[in-house]
Structure formats: C-alpha cells, structure tokens
N, C-alpha and C. Protein backbone atom coordinates (compact mmCIF):
# COMPACT_ATOMS: atom_id res chain seq x y z
N MET A 1 5.09 -6.79 -32.58
CA MET A 1 3.72 -7.28 -32.55
C MET A 1 2.79 -6.18 -33.05
N VAL A 2 1.83 -6.54 -33.89
CA VAL A 2 0.86 -5.59 -34.43
C VAL A 2 -0.15 -5.26 -33.34
N THR A 3 -0.36 -3.96 -33.13
CA THR A 3 -1.31 -3.56 -32.09
C THR A 3 -2.39 -2.61 -32.62
N THR A 4 -2.40 -2.36 -33.92
CA THR A 4 -3.40 -1.47 -34.47
C THR A 4 -4.10 -2.14 -35.65
N GLY A 5 -5.23 -1.56 -36.05
CA GLY A 5 -5.95 -2.07 -37.20
C GLY A 5 -6.50 -3.47 -36.97
N LEU A 6 -6.75 -4.19 -38.05
CA LEU A 6 -7.31 -5.54 -37.95
C LEU A 6 -6.39 -6.47 -37.17
N GLY A 7 -5.09 -6.26 -37.29
CA GLY A 7 -4.13 -7.13 -36.62
C GLY A 7 -4.22 -7.09 -35.11
N SER A 8 -4.95 -6.15 -34.57
CA SER A 8 -5.11 -6.08 -33.11
C SER A 8 -6.36 -6.83 -32.65
N SER A 9 -7.08 -7.42 -33.58
CA SER A 9 -8.32 -8.13 -33.26
C SER A 9 -8.07 -9.63 -33.17
N LEU A 10 -8.37 -10.21 -32.02
CA LEU A 10 -8.22 -11.65 -31.84
C LEU A 10 -9.09 -12.40 -32.84
N ALA A 11 -10.33 -11.95 -33.04
CA ALA A 11 -11.24 -12.61 -33.98
C ALA A 11 -10.65 -12.62 -35.39
N TYR A 12 -10.07 -11.50 -35.80
CA TYR A 12 -9.47 -11.42 -37.13
C TYR A 12 -8.28 -12.37 -37.25
N LEU A 13 -7.40 -12.36 -36.27
CA LEU A 13 -6.21 -13.22 -36.32
C LEU A 13 -6.58 -14.70 -36.32
N LEU A 14 -7.60 -15.07 -35.53
CA LEU A 14 -8.05 -16.46 -35.53
C LEU A 14 -8.63 -16.84 -36.90
N SER A 15 -9.40 -15.95 -37.50
CA SER A 15 -9.97 -16.21 -38.83
C SER A 15 -8.88 -16.34 -39.88
N ARG A 16 -7.90 -15.47 -39.79
CA ARG A 16 -6.79 -15.50 -40.76
C ARG A 16 -5.99 -16.80 -40.61
N ALA A 17 -5.74 -17.22 -39.37
CA ALA A 17 -5.02 -18.47 -39.14
C ALA A 17 -5.84 -19.65 -39.66
N GLU A 18 -7.15 -19.63 -39.40
CA GLU A 18 -8.01 -20.71 -39.89
C GLU A 18 -7.94 -20.81 -41.41
N ARG A 19 -8.00 -19.68 -42.09
CA ARG A 19 -7.94 -19.69 -43.55
C ARG A 19 -6.63 -20.28 -44.04
N SER A 20 -5.53 -19.89 -43.41
CA SER A 20 -4.22 -20.41 -43.82
C SER A 20 -4.13 -21.91 -43.59
N VAL A 21 -4.57 -22.37 -42.44
CA VAL A 21 -4.54 -23.80 -42.14
C VAL A 21 -5.44 -24.56 -43.10
N ASN A 22 -6.66 -24.08 -43.31
CA ASN A 22 -7.60 -24.78 -44.19
C ASN A 22 -7.16 -24.77 -45.65
N ARG A 23 -6.49 -23.71 -46.07
CA ARG A 23 -5.99 -23.67 -47.45
C ARG A 23 -4.98 -24.80 -47.67
N GLY A 24 -4.06 -24.98 -46.72
CA GLY A 24 -3.08 -26.06 -46.82
C GLY A 24 -3.73 -27.43 -46.71
N LEU A 25 -4.71 -27.55 -45.83
CA LEU A 25 -5.42 -28.82 -45.67
C LEU A 25 -6.20 -29.16 -46.94
N ALA A 26 -6.84 -28.16 -47.53
CA ALA A 26 -7.59 -28.39 -48.78
C ALA A 26 -6.66 -28.88 -49.87
N ALA A 27 -5.47 -28.32 -49.96
CA ALA A 27 -4.50 -28.77 -50.96
C ALA A 27 -4.10 -30.22 -50.72
N ALA A 28 -3.96 -30.59 -49.45
CA ALA A 28 -3.58 -31.96 -49.11
C ALA A 28 -4.70 -32.95 -49.45
N LEU A 29 -5.95 -32.50 -49.43
CA LEU A 29 -7.09 -33.38 -49.69
C LEU A 29 -7.50 -33.43 -51.16
N THR A 30 -6.92 -32.55 -51.97
CA THR A 30 -7.32 -32.42 -53.37
C THR A 30 -7.19 -33.73 -54.14
N ALA A 31 -6.18 -34.51 -53.89
CA ALA A 31 -5.94 -35.74 -54.65
C ALA A 31 -7.12 -36.70 -54.56
N GLU A 32 -7.84 -36.67 -53.44
CA GLU A 32 -8.99 -37.57 -53.27
C GLU A 32 -10.32 -36.87 -53.53
N ASP A 33 -10.25 -35.63 -54.01
CA ASP A 33 -11.46 -34.86 -54.32
C ASP A 33 -12.38 -34.76 -53.10
N VAL A 34 -11.78 -34.40 -51.97
CA VAL A 34 -12.51 -34.24 -50.71
C VAL A 34 -12.26 -32.83 -50.20
N SER A 35 -13.32 -32.16 -49.79
CA SER A 35 -13.18 -30.83 -49.21
C SER A 35 -12.84 -30.94 -47.72
N VAL A 36 -12.39 -29.85 -47.14
CA VAL A 36 -12.09 -29.83 -45.71
C VAL A 36 -13.36 -30.15 -44.92
N GLU A 37 -14.50 -29.60 -45.34
CA GLU A 37 -15.75 -29.85 -44.63
C GLU A 37 -16.14 -31.32 -44.72
N GLN A 38 -15.98 -31.92 -45.90
CA GLN A 38 -16.29 -33.34 -46.05
C GLN A 38 -15.37 -34.20 -45.19
N TRP A 39 -14.10 -33.84 -45.14
CA TRP A 39 -13.15 -34.56 -44.29
C TRP A 39 -13.60 -34.49 -42.83
N ARG A 40 -14.02 -33.29 -42.38
CA ARG A 40 -14.49 -33.15 -41.00
C ARG A 40 -15.67 -34.07 -40.73
N ILE A 41 -16.60 -34.15 -41.68
CA ILE A 41 -17.77 -35.01 -41.52
C ILE A 41 -17.33 -36.46 -41.40
N LEU A 42 -16.49 -36.91 -42.33
CA LEU A 42 -16.03 -38.30 -42.31
C LEU A 42 -15.29 -38.60 -41.00
N ARG A 43 -14.47 -37.66 -40.57
CA ARG A 43 -13.71 -37.86 -39.33
C ARG A 43 -14.65 -37.95 -38.13
N ALA A 44 -15.68 -37.12 -38.10
CA ALA A 44 -16.64 -37.14 -36.99
C ALA A 44 -17.41 -38.45 -36.96
N LEU A 45 -17.69 -39.00 -38.14
CA LEU A 45 -18.46 -40.25 -38.22
C LEU A 45 -17.60 -41.49 -38.00
N ALA A 46 -16.30 -41.32 -37.92
CA ALA A 46 -15.39 -42.47 -37.80
C ALA A 46 -15.52 -43.19 -36.47
N ASP A 47 -16.27 -42.63 -35.51
CA ASP A 47 -16.44 -43.31 -34.23
C ASP A 47 -17.47 -44.44 -34.31
N ASP A 48 -18.10 -44.61 -35.48
CA ASP A 48 -19.04 -45.71 -35.74
C ASP A 48 -20.28 -45.70 -34.85
N ARG A 49 -20.62 -44.56 -34.25
CA ARG A 49 -21.81 -44.49 -33.40
C ARG A 49 -23.04 -44.01 -34.15
N GLY A 50 -22.84 -43.38 -35.29
CA GLY A 50 -23.96 -42.74 -35.97
C GLY A 50 -24.29 -41.45 -35.25
N HIS A 51 -24.62 -40.42 -36.01
CA HIS A 51 -24.89 -39.11 -35.41
C HIS A 51 -26.13 -38.50 -36.04
N SER A 52 -26.93 -37.84 -35.22
CA SER A 52 -28.05 -37.07 -35.75
C SER A 52 -27.49 -35.88 -36.51
N MET A 53 -28.29 -35.32 -37.38
CA MET A 53 -27.84 -34.16 -38.15
C MET A 53 -27.53 -32.99 -37.23
N GLY A 54 -28.31 -32.83 -36.17
CA GLY A 54 -28.06 -31.73 -35.23
C GLY A 54 -26.72 -31.88 -34.53
N ASP A 55 -26.45 -33.08 -34.02
CA ASP A 55 -25.17 -33.33 -33.34
C ASP A 55 -24.00 -33.18 -34.31
N LEU A 56 -24.20 -33.68 -35.53
CA LEU A 56 -23.14 -33.61 -36.53
C LEU A 56 -22.87 -32.16 -36.94
N ALA A 57 -23.92 -31.37 -37.11
CA ALA A 57 -23.75 -29.96 -37.48
C ALA A 57 -22.92 -29.23 -36.43
N GLU A 58 -23.21 -29.50 -35.18
CA GLU A 58 -22.45 -28.87 -34.10
C GLU A 58 -21.00 -29.35 -34.10
N ALA A 59 -20.80 -30.64 -34.29
CA ALA A 59 -19.45 -31.20 -34.24
C ALA A 59 -18.56 -30.70 -35.37
N VAL A 60 -19.13 -30.55 -36.57
CA VAL A 60 -18.32 -30.17 -37.73
C VAL A 60 -18.41 -28.68 -38.06
N LEU A 61 -19.09 -27.92 -37.20
CA LEU A 61 -19.14 -26.46 -37.33
C LEU A 61 -19.80 -26.00 -38.63
N MET A 62 -20.92 -26.63 -38.96
CA MET A 62 -21.62 -26.28 -40.20
C MET A 62 -23.09 -26.00 -39.91
N PRO A 63 -23.68 -25.03 -40.60
CA PRO A 63 -25.13 -24.82 -40.47
C PRO A 63 -25.88 -26.01 -41.07
N HIS A 64 -27.07 -26.27 -40.55
CA HIS A 64 -27.85 -27.44 -40.99
C HIS A 64 -28.03 -27.52 -42.51
N PRO A 65 -28.45 -26.45 -43.19
CA PRO A 65 -28.68 -26.57 -44.64
C PRO A 65 -27.39 -26.94 -45.40
N THR A 66 -26.28 -26.36 -45.00
CA THR A 66 -25.00 -26.67 -45.65
C THR A 66 -24.60 -28.11 -45.37
N LEU A 67 -24.81 -28.56 -44.14
CA LEU A 67 -24.50 -29.94 -43.79
C LEU A 67 -25.36 -30.91 -44.58
N THR A 68 -26.64 -30.62 -44.73
CA THR A 68 -27.54 -31.50 -45.47
C THR A 68 -27.05 -31.68 -46.91
N LYS A 69 -26.64 -30.59 -47.55
CA LYS A 69 -26.13 -30.68 -48.92
C LYS A 69 -24.84 -31.50 -48.96
N ALA A 70 -23.97 -31.29 -47.99
CA ALA A 70 -22.71 -32.04 -47.95
C ALA A 70 -22.97 -33.53 -47.72
N ILE A 71 -23.90 -33.85 -46.83
CA ILE A 71 -24.24 -35.25 -46.57
C ILE A 71 -24.83 -35.88 -47.83
N ASP A 72 -25.71 -35.16 -48.52
CA ASP A 72 -26.29 -35.68 -49.76
C ASP A 72 -25.20 -36.00 -50.78
N ARG A 73 -24.19 -35.13 -50.89
CA ARG A 73 -23.09 -35.38 -51.82
C ARG A 73 -22.27 -36.60 -51.40
N LEU A 74 -22.05 -36.73 -50.10
CA LEU A 74 -21.31 -37.89 -49.61
C LEU A 74 -22.09 -39.19 -49.79
N ILE A 75 -23.41 -39.11 -49.65
CA ILE A 75 -24.26 -40.28 -49.91
C ILE A 75 -24.18 -40.66 -51.39
N ASP A 76 -24.22 -39.66 -52.28
CA ASP A 76 -24.13 -39.93 -53.72
C ASP A 76 -22.82 -40.65 -54.07
N ARG A 77 -21.77 -40.38 -53.30
CA ARG A 77 -20.47 -41.02 -53.55
C ARG A 77 -20.30 -42.30 -52.72
N ALA A 78 -21.35 -42.68 -51.99
CA ALA A 78 -21.37 -43.90 -51.16
C ALA A 78 -20.34 -43.88 -50.04
N PHE A 79 -20.06 -42.69 -49.50
CA PHE A 79 -19.12 -42.58 -48.38
C PHE A 79 -19.84 -42.61 -47.03
N VAL A 80 -21.09 -42.19 -47.01
CA VAL A 80 -21.89 -42.21 -45.79
C VAL A 80 -23.29 -42.69 -46.15
N TYR A 81 -24.07 -43.04 -45.14
CA TYR A 81 -25.46 -43.42 -45.36
C TYR A 81 -26.30 -43.02 -44.16
N ARG A 82 -27.60 -42.88 -44.42
CA ARG A 82 -28.54 -42.58 -43.35
C ARG A 82 -29.16 -43.90 -42.90
N GLY A 83 -29.40 -44.00 -41.60
CA GLY A 83 -30.04 -45.19 -41.05
C GLY A 83 -30.73 -44.83 -39.76
N HIS A 84 -31.28 -45.83 -39.10
CA HIS A 84 -31.95 -45.59 -37.82
C HIS A 84 -30.93 -45.31 -36.73
N ASP A 85 -31.26 -44.37 -35.88
CA ASP A 85 -30.44 -44.06 -34.72
C ASP A 85 -30.40 -45.31 -33.84
N PRO A 86 -29.21 -45.75 -33.40
CA PRO A 86 -29.13 -46.96 -32.60
C PRO A 86 -29.83 -46.85 -31.23
N VAL A 87 -29.97 -45.64 -30.72
CA VAL A 87 -30.61 -45.44 -29.42
C VAL A 87 -32.12 -45.28 -29.56
N ASP A 88 -32.55 -44.52 -30.56
CA ASP A 88 -33.97 -44.25 -30.78
C ASP A 88 -34.29 -44.52 -32.25
N ARG A 89 -34.86 -45.66 -32.53
CA ARG A 89 -35.09 -46.08 -33.92
C ARG A 89 -36.07 -45.18 -34.66
N ARG A 90 -36.76 -44.29 -33.97
CA ARG A 90 -37.65 -43.34 -34.65
C ARG A 90 -36.86 -42.22 -35.31
N LYS A 91 -35.61 -42.04 -34.88
CA LYS A 91 -34.77 -40.96 -35.41
C LYS A 91 -33.83 -41.49 -36.48
N VAL A 92 -33.37 -40.57 -37.32
CA VAL A 92 -32.42 -40.91 -38.38
C VAL A 92 -31.04 -40.45 -37.94
N ALA A 93 -30.06 -41.27 -38.25
CA ALA A 93 -28.66 -40.94 -37.96
C ALA A 93 -27.84 -41.11 -39.23
N VAL A 94 -26.67 -40.51 -39.26
CA VAL A 94 -25.75 -40.63 -40.38
C VAL A 94 -24.59 -41.50 -39.92
N PHE A 95 -24.17 -42.41 -40.81
CA PHE A 95 -23.11 -43.36 -40.49
C PHE A 95 -22.04 -43.32 -41.58
N LEU A 96 -20.83 -43.68 -41.21
CA LEU A 96 -19.73 -43.80 -42.16
C LEU A 96 -19.84 -45.16 -42.86
N ALA A 97 -19.88 -45.16 -44.18
CA ALA A 97 -19.91 -46.39 -44.96
C ALA A 97 -18.49 -46.95 -45.08
N ASP A 98 -18.38 -48.21 -45.45
CA ASP A 98 -17.05 -48.83 -45.61
C ASP A 98 -16.21 -48.05 -46.61
N ARG A 99 -16.83 -47.63 -47.68
CA ARG A 99 -16.10 -46.85 -48.70
C ARG A 99 -15.60 -45.52 -48.12
N GLY A 100 -16.39 -44.91 -47.24
CA GLY A 100 -15.97 -43.67 -46.58
C GLY A 100 -14.80 -43.92 -45.63
N ALA A 101 -14.83 -45.06 -44.93
CA ALA A 101 -13.73 -45.41 -44.02
C ALA A 101 -12.44 -45.64 -44.81
N GLU A 102 -12.57 -46.27 -45.97
CA GLU A 102 -11.39 -46.48 -46.83
C GLU A 102 -10.82 -45.15 -47.31
N LEU A 103 -11.71 -44.24 -47.71
CA LEU A 103 -11.28 -42.91 -48.14
C LEU A 103 -10.57 -42.19 -46.99
N LEU A 104 -11.17 -42.26 -45.82
CA LEU A 104 -10.59 -41.60 -44.66
C LEU A 104 -9.19 -42.16 -44.37
N ASP A 105 -9.03 -43.47 -44.46
CA ASP A 105 -7.70 -44.07 -44.28
C ASP A 105 -6.70 -43.52 -45.30
N ARG A 106 -7.14 -43.35 -46.55
CA ARG A 106 -6.24 -42.85 -47.59
C ARG A 106 -5.83 -41.41 -47.34
N VAL A 107 -6.76 -40.57 -46.87
CA VAL A 107 -6.43 -39.14 -46.71
C VAL A 107 -5.73 -38.84 -45.39
N GLU A 108 -5.78 -39.74 -44.44
CA GLU A 108 -5.15 -39.45 -43.14
C GLU A 108 -3.65 -39.20 -43.27
N GLY A 109 -3.00 -39.86 -44.20
CA GLY A 109 -1.57 -39.61 -44.42
C GLY A 109 -1.33 -38.18 -44.89
N ALA A 110 -2.17 -37.70 -45.79
CA ALA A 110 -2.04 -36.32 -46.28
C ALA A 110 -2.35 -35.33 -45.17
N VAL A 111 -3.34 -35.64 -44.34
CA VAL A 111 -3.69 -34.76 -43.22
C VAL A 111 -2.54 -34.72 -42.22
N ALA A 112 -1.96 -35.88 -41.92
CA ALA A 112 -0.82 -35.93 -41.00
C ALA A 112 0.37 -35.16 -41.58
N GLY A 113 0.58 -35.27 -42.89
CA GLY A 113 1.65 -34.52 -43.53
C GLY A 113 1.44 -33.02 -43.42
N HIS A 114 0.21 -32.59 -43.57
CA HIS A 114 -0.11 -31.17 -43.42
C HIS A 114 0.18 -30.71 -41.99
N HIS A 115 -0.18 -31.54 -41.01
CA HIS A 115 0.09 -31.21 -39.61
C HIS A 115 1.60 -31.11 -39.37
N ARG A 116 2.36 -32.02 -39.95
CA ARG A 116 3.83 -31.97 -39.80
C ARG A 116 4.39 -30.70 -40.43
N MET A 117 3.81 -30.25 -41.53
CA MET A 117 4.26 -29.02 -42.18
C MET A 117 4.02 -27.82 -41.25
N ILE A 118 2.88 -27.81 -40.58
CA ILE A 118 2.61 -26.72 -39.62
C ILE A 118 3.62 -26.77 -38.49
N GLU A 119 3.88 -27.97 -37.97
CA GLU A 119 4.87 -28.11 -36.89
C GLU A 119 6.26 -27.67 -37.34
N ALA A 120 6.62 -27.97 -38.58
CA ALA A 120 7.93 -27.55 -39.09
C ALA A 120 8.02 -26.03 -39.19
N ALA A 121 6.92 -25.39 -39.57
CA ALA A 121 6.91 -23.93 -39.73
C ALA A 121 6.80 -23.21 -38.39
N PHE A 122 6.06 -23.77 -37.45
CA PHE A 122 5.75 -23.07 -36.20
C PHE A 122 6.46 -23.68 -35.00
N GLY A 123 6.93 -24.91 -35.12
CA GLY A 123 7.57 -25.61 -34.01
C GLY A 123 6.58 -26.60 -33.38
N THR A 124 7.09 -27.78 -33.10
CA THR A 124 6.22 -28.83 -32.54
C THR A 124 5.65 -28.43 -31.20
N GLU A 125 6.49 -27.95 -30.29
CA GLU A 125 6.01 -27.56 -28.96
C GLU A 125 5.04 -26.40 -29.03
N ARG A 126 5.34 -25.42 -29.87
CA ARG A 126 4.45 -24.27 -29.99
C ARG A 126 3.11 -24.68 -30.61
N THR A 127 3.14 -25.61 -31.57
CA THR A 127 1.91 -26.09 -32.19
C THR A 127 1.06 -26.82 -31.16
N GLU A 128 1.69 -27.71 -30.37
CA GLU A 128 0.96 -28.42 -29.32
C GLU A 128 0.40 -27.46 -28.29
N GLN A 129 1.19 -26.45 -27.91
CA GLN A 129 0.72 -25.46 -26.94
C GLN A 129 -0.43 -24.64 -27.51
N LEU A 130 -0.33 -24.28 -28.78
CA LEU A 130 -1.41 -23.52 -29.42
C LEU A 130 -2.70 -24.34 -29.43
N MET A 131 -2.61 -25.62 -29.77
CA MET A 131 -3.80 -26.47 -29.77
C MET A 131 -4.39 -26.57 -28.37
N HIS A 132 -3.52 -26.73 -27.38
CA HIS A 132 -3.99 -26.79 -25.99
C HIS A 132 -4.66 -25.47 -25.60
N ASP A 133 -4.03 -24.36 -25.92
CA ASP A 133 -4.59 -23.05 -25.58
C ASP A 133 -5.92 -22.79 -26.29
N LEU A 134 -6.02 -23.18 -27.54
CA LEU A 134 -7.28 -22.99 -28.27
C LEU A 134 -8.39 -23.85 -27.68
N GLU A 135 -8.07 -25.08 -27.28
CA GLU A 135 -9.07 -25.92 -26.62
C GLU A 135 -9.54 -25.27 -25.33
N ARG A 136 -8.62 -24.71 -24.55
CA ARG A 136 -8.98 -24.03 -23.30
C ARG A 136 -9.83 -22.79 -23.59
N LEU A 137 -9.48 -22.05 -24.63
CA LEU A 137 -10.25 -20.87 -25.00
C LEU A 137 -11.69 -21.25 -25.35
N VAL A 138 -11.85 -22.29 -26.16
CA VAL A 138 -13.19 -22.73 -26.55
C VAL A 138 -13.98 -23.17 -25.33
N ARG A 139 -13.37 -23.95 -24.44
CA ARG A 139 -14.08 -24.38 -23.22
C ARG A 139 -14.48 -23.18 -22.38
N ALA A 140 -13.58 -22.22 -22.24
CA ALA A 140 -13.88 -21.04 -21.42
C ALA A 140 -15.01 -20.22 -22.03
N LEU A 141 -14.99 -20.03 -23.34
CA LEU A 141 -16.03 -19.22 -23.98
C LEU A 141 -17.37 -19.94 -24.06
N ASP A 142 -17.33 -21.27 -24.12
CA ASP A 142 -18.58 -22.04 -24.18
C ASP A 142 -19.18 -22.29 -22.80
N ALA A 143 -18.42 -22.07 -21.76
CA ALA A 143 -18.92 -22.30 -20.40
C ALA A 143 -19.92 -21.21 -20.02
N PRO A 144 -20.87 -21.55 -19.15
CA PRO A 144 -21.77 -20.50 -18.65
C PRO A 144 -20.93 -19.40 -17.98
N PRO A 145 -21.37 -18.14 -18.07
CA PRO A 145 -20.58 -17.03 -17.53
C PRO A 145 -20.10 -17.24 -16.10
N ALA A 146 -20.91 -17.82 -15.25
CA ALA A 146 -20.52 -18.01 -13.85
C ALA A 146 -19.39 -19.02 -13.70
N GLU A 147 -19.19 -19.88 -14.70
CA GLU A 147 -18.16 -20.91 -14.62
C GLU A 147 -16.90 -20.56 -15.39
N ARG A 148 -16.87 -19.40 -16.04
CA ARG A 148 -15.70 -19.01 -16.84
C ARG A 148 -14.54 -18.68 -15.91
N PRO A 149 -13.35 -19.18 -16.26
CA PRO A 149 -12.18 -18.85 -15.44
C PRO A 149 -11.83 -17.38 -15.60
N SER A 150 -11.26 -16.82 -14.57
CA SER A 150 -10.87 -15.41 -14.61
C SER A 150 -9.68 -15.19 -13.69
N ASP A 151 -8.82 -14.28 -14.09
CA ASP A 151 -7.70 -13.92 -13.22
C ASP A 151 -8.17 -12.98 -12.12
N THR A 152 -9.32 -12.36 -12.35
CA THR A 152 -9.88 -11.41 -11.39
C THR A 152 -11.18 -11.99 -10.87
N PRO A 153 -11.41 -11.93 -9.56
CA PRO A 153 -12.69 -12.43 -9.06
C PRO A 153 -13.85 -11.75 -9.78
N LEU A 154 -14.93 -12.50 -9.99
CA LEU A 154 -16.06 -11.99 -10.73
C LEU A 154 -16.69 -10.76 -10.07
N HIS A 155 -16.53 -10.60 -8.77
CA HIS A 155 -17.19 -9.49 -8.10
C HIS A 155 -16.36 -8.20 -8.14
N ARG A 156 -15.18 -8.24 -8.79
CA ARG A 156 -14.35 -7.04 -8.84
C ARG A 156 -13.80 -6.84 -10.25
N ILE A 157 -13.75 -5.61 -10.70
CA ILE A 157 -13.10 -5.26 -11.95
C ILE A 157 -12.26 -4.03 -11.70
N ALA A 158 -11.29 -3.79 -12.56
CA ALA A 158 -10.43 -2.61 -12.37
C ALA A 158 -11.17 -1.36 -12.85
N GLY A 159 -11.13 -0.34 -12.04
CA GLY A 159 -11.72 0.94 -12.41
C GLY A 159 -10.76 1.70 -13.31
N ARG A 160 -11.14 2.92 -13.73
CA ARG A 160 -10.31 3.70 -14.63
C ARG A 160 -8.97 4.05 -14.03
N ASP A 161 -8.91 4.23 -12.75
CA ASP A 161 -7.63 4.60 -12.12
C ASP A 161 -6.89 3.37 -11.60
N GLY A 162 -7.34 2.17 -11.97
CA GLY A 162 -6.68 0.96 -11.54
C GLY A 162 -7.18 0.41 -10.22
N GLU A 163 -8.01 1.20 -9.53
CA GLU A 163 -8.55 0.75 -8.26
C GLU A 163 -9.68 -0.24 -8.50
N ALA A 164 -9.72 -1.29 -7.71
CA ALA A 164 -10.78 -2.29 -7.86
C ALA A 164 -12.10 -1.70 -7.43
N VAL A 165 -13.13 -1.94 -8.24
CA VAL A 165 -14.48 -1.47 -7.91
C VAL A 165 -15.44 -2.64 -8.03
N PRO A 166 -16.55 -2.61 -7.32
CA PRO A 166 -17.53 -3.70 -7.45
C PRO A 166 -18.05 -3.79 -8.88
N ALA A 167 -18.21 -5.00 -9.37
CA ALA A 167 -18.75 -5.22 -10.71
C ALA A 167 -20.26 -5.01 -10.67
N LEU A 168 -20.79 -4.65 -11.82
CA LEU A 168 -22.23 -4.50 -11.93
C LEU A 168 -22.90 -5.85 -11.89
N ARG A 169 -24.00 -5.96 -11.24
CA ARG A 169 -24.75 -7.22 -11.21
C ARG A 169 -26.01 -7.05 -12.02
N SER A 170 -26.40 -8.08 -12.74
CA SER A 170 -27.63 -7.97 -13.52
C SER A 170 -28.74 -8.74 -12.88
C-alpha cells in the first residue's frame, strides 16, 4: 500500500478513481454524443418531478453557470425543457422531455455495461461495498459536526503519548 506522496492522500485517490470511472463512462456514452454531466442531468430528471436549477445543481454536482450551459444545450437538442414548478408556479423547473427519456433508455445499457466492467475488474462484492462505504462517507461528511459518527467520543481525543485528553471546545 502506498503511504507517501500523493498516494497517501484520500482526496487524491478519490479524484483519481473518479477520473478513471468517468473516463470509462464517457467512452460508453460516446455513441449517443452525451457527456457524463449530461447523463447525470438526464438521470436526475428521470423522476418526472421537475427540478429547480438550484436543486439540480446540487444533485448533479455542477456549479450553476456550468449547469445553465448544459441545460441550454440539452434544450437545443430537445432532451429537456423548462416549465413551471409543479409546487410553485412562480418558479421555473427543468423537466425531462420524451426525447430525453428515449435517449436515457438507449444509454442505460451502455452505463450498465460500464458498471459490469468495473465489477469484473474490482469484484462485485467489493464494488457494492465500495459504493456503500462511499455513501456512508458522504453522509458522515455532510452531517453537522455534532452528528458525525466517531469511534472516539467527541469529548476525548488521543494525546501525543496515546493518553486520552479532553478535546478543545469552541
């Protein structure tokens, strides 16, 4: 196991894994001329509820300006459309168009094939465990500090000599 340099950084390893996964996914989507980001948008909109740009940006992990450009491109291709929010008609929401749903149906086979390739390379059980662990990591990091799980009680941390000492309070 690498313990020095960039390889010792969790952030670096997660970024490297993301790049590898997305590179394979992008190749799988190439036949339909869809980017990974566009696929994420279409997939998020597949629940047929319509989403505000803010909610969609958070769901697909994109900054607002980048999302706006991507949505405009998808509208130009008639895959999505803007309409009134079903809950608050004063707001605008983005919806998946029928043509976008058809595209999503076509690419899902390629996406599933990419997932099977990862499972073949890494193992089905290990892939499922990794997905579970990453979901837990995201929930833990997104939780308020007082609600984050810990192996050590929040009021104690290990001192330099291994002895437990009271944690600093802010």
